[in-house]
C-alpha cells in the first residue's frame, strides 16, 4: 500500500490524494478490511492521514520507510529514462 501511495503522489504531484484508503488496495485485490488495517497503522505512525475521500501524506520519509525497495528502484529508473529522452532531443 505504501508503494501505491508513493506512486500516486508522483502522479498527482502533491501530498493530498483523491481516494479513500480502501481504494489503495483494490488494485492489489486486498480485502477492504486488510487495507483499512494497514491505513490505520500508517496513520498511527504519522505517515498518512485520511478523511472524506482523501489521503494526505504527512510524513514522506516514514511512508518511504514502509515501502518496498522497488519504489526507489523504479523511480530512479524513470528519472534516468526522462533524462535520456531529454538528451535525445
Protein backbone atom coordinates (compact mmCIF):
# COMPACT_ATOMS: atom_id res chain seq x y z
CA UNK A 1 0.00 0.00 0.00
CA UNK A 2 2.85 2.39 0.79
CA UNK A 3 4.34 1.89 -2.66
CA UNK A 4 1.00 2.59 -4.32
CA UNK A 5 0.56 5.76 -2.30
CA UNK A 6 4.04 6.91 -3.30
CA UNK A 7 3.30 6.24 -6.97
CA UNK A 8 0.00 8.13 -6.67
CA UNK A 9 1.86 11.03 -5.04
CA UNK A 10 4.26 11.14 -8.00
CA UNK A 11 1.37 11.17 -10.48
CA UNK A 12 -0.66 13.81 -8.63
CA UNK A 13 2.42 15.86 -7.83
CA UNK A 14 1.25 16.57 -4.31
CA UNK A 15 0.65 15.15 -0.88
CA UNK A 16 -3.16 15.13 -1.00
CA UNK A 17 -4.55 12.20 -2.96
CA UNK A 18 -8.19 11.95 -4.05
CA UNK A 19 -9.02 8.48 -2.72
CA UNK A 20 -10.18 6.65 0.33
CA UNK A 21 -7.76 4.18 1.97
CA UNK A 22 -9.77 1.21 0.68
CA UNK A 23 -9.17 2.38 -2.91
CA UNK A 24 -5.41 1.97 -2.47
CA UNK A 25 -5.75 -1.78 -2.05
CA UNK A 26 -8.40 -2.69 -4.58
CA UNK A 27 -5.85 -2.95 -7.35
CA UNK A 28 -3.89 -5.43 -5.24
CA UNK A 29 -7.05 -7.47 -4.66
CA UNK A 30 -6.60 -6.97 -0.97
CA UNK A 31 -9.72 -7.12 1.15
CA UNK A 32 -11.07 -3.80 2.36
CA UNK A 33 -10.53 -4.88 5.96
CA UNK A 34 -6.84 -5.55 5.27
CA UNK A 35 -6.40 -2.15 3.62
CA UNK A 36 -8.18 -0.42 6.48
CA UNK A 37 -5.86 -2.09 8.98
CA UNK A 38 -2.75 -1.04 7.06
CA UNK A 39 -4.07 2.50 6.63
CA UNK A 40 -4.72 2.65 10.37
CA UNK A 41 -1.15 1.54 11.14
CA UNK A 42 0.26 4.12 8.71
CA UNK A 43 -1.93 6.81 10.27
CA UNK A 44 -0.86 5.85 13.79
CA UNK A 45 2.77 6.05 12.66
CA UNK A 46 2.13 9.57 11.36
CA UNK A 47 2.86 8.66 7.73
CA UNK A 48 -0.63 9.40 6.37
CA UNK A 49 -3.94 10.91 7.32
CA UNK A 50 -7.27 10.31 5.67
CA UNK A 51 -10.67 11.88 5.75
CA UNK A 52 -13.65 12.28 3.44
CA UNK A 53 -12.29 10.53 0.39
CA UNK A 54 -8.77 11.95 0.56
CA UNK A 55 -5.47 10.57 1.75
CA UNK A 56 -2.85 13.03 2.90
CA UNK A 57 0.80 12.09 3.06
CA UNK A 58 2.00 13.65 6.29
CA UNK A 59 5.48 12.15 6.61
CA UNK A 60 7.05 11.20 3.30
CA UNK A 61 10.15 9.61 4.83
CA UNK A 62 8.05 7.41 7.14
CA UNK A 63 5.96 6.29 4.17
CA UNK A 64 9.08 5.53 2.13
CA UNK A 65 10.47 3.52 5.04
CA UNK A 66 7.41 1.26 4.94
CA UNK A 67 7.56 0.81 1.16
CA UNK A 68 9.50 -1.94 -0.54
CA UNK A 69 12.81 -1.08 -2.17
CA UNK A 70 11.27 -1.48 -5.61
CA UNK A 71 9.73 2.02 -5.38
CA UNK A 72 13.14 3.70 -5.26
CA UNK A 73 14.47 1.37 -7.96
CA UNK A 74 11.60 2.12 -10.33
CA UNK A 75 11.66 5.84 -9.54
CA UNK A 76 15.39 6.10 -10.27
CA UNK A 77 14.83 4.14 -13.48
CA UNK A 78 12.12 6.59 -14.53
CA UNK A 79 14.40 9.53 -13.81
CA UNK A 80 17.11 8.01 -15.95
CA UNK A 81 14.61 7.42 -18.74
CA UNK A 82 13.40 11.03 -18.56
CA UNK A 83 16.98 12.31 -18.71
CA UNK A 84 17.68 10.04 -21.68
CA UNK A 85 14.62 11.37 -23.51
CA UNK A 86 15.68 14.97 -22.88
CA UNK A 87 19.22 14.37 -24.13
CA UNK A 88 17.91 12.66 -27.27
CA UNK A 89 16.01 15.79 -28.31
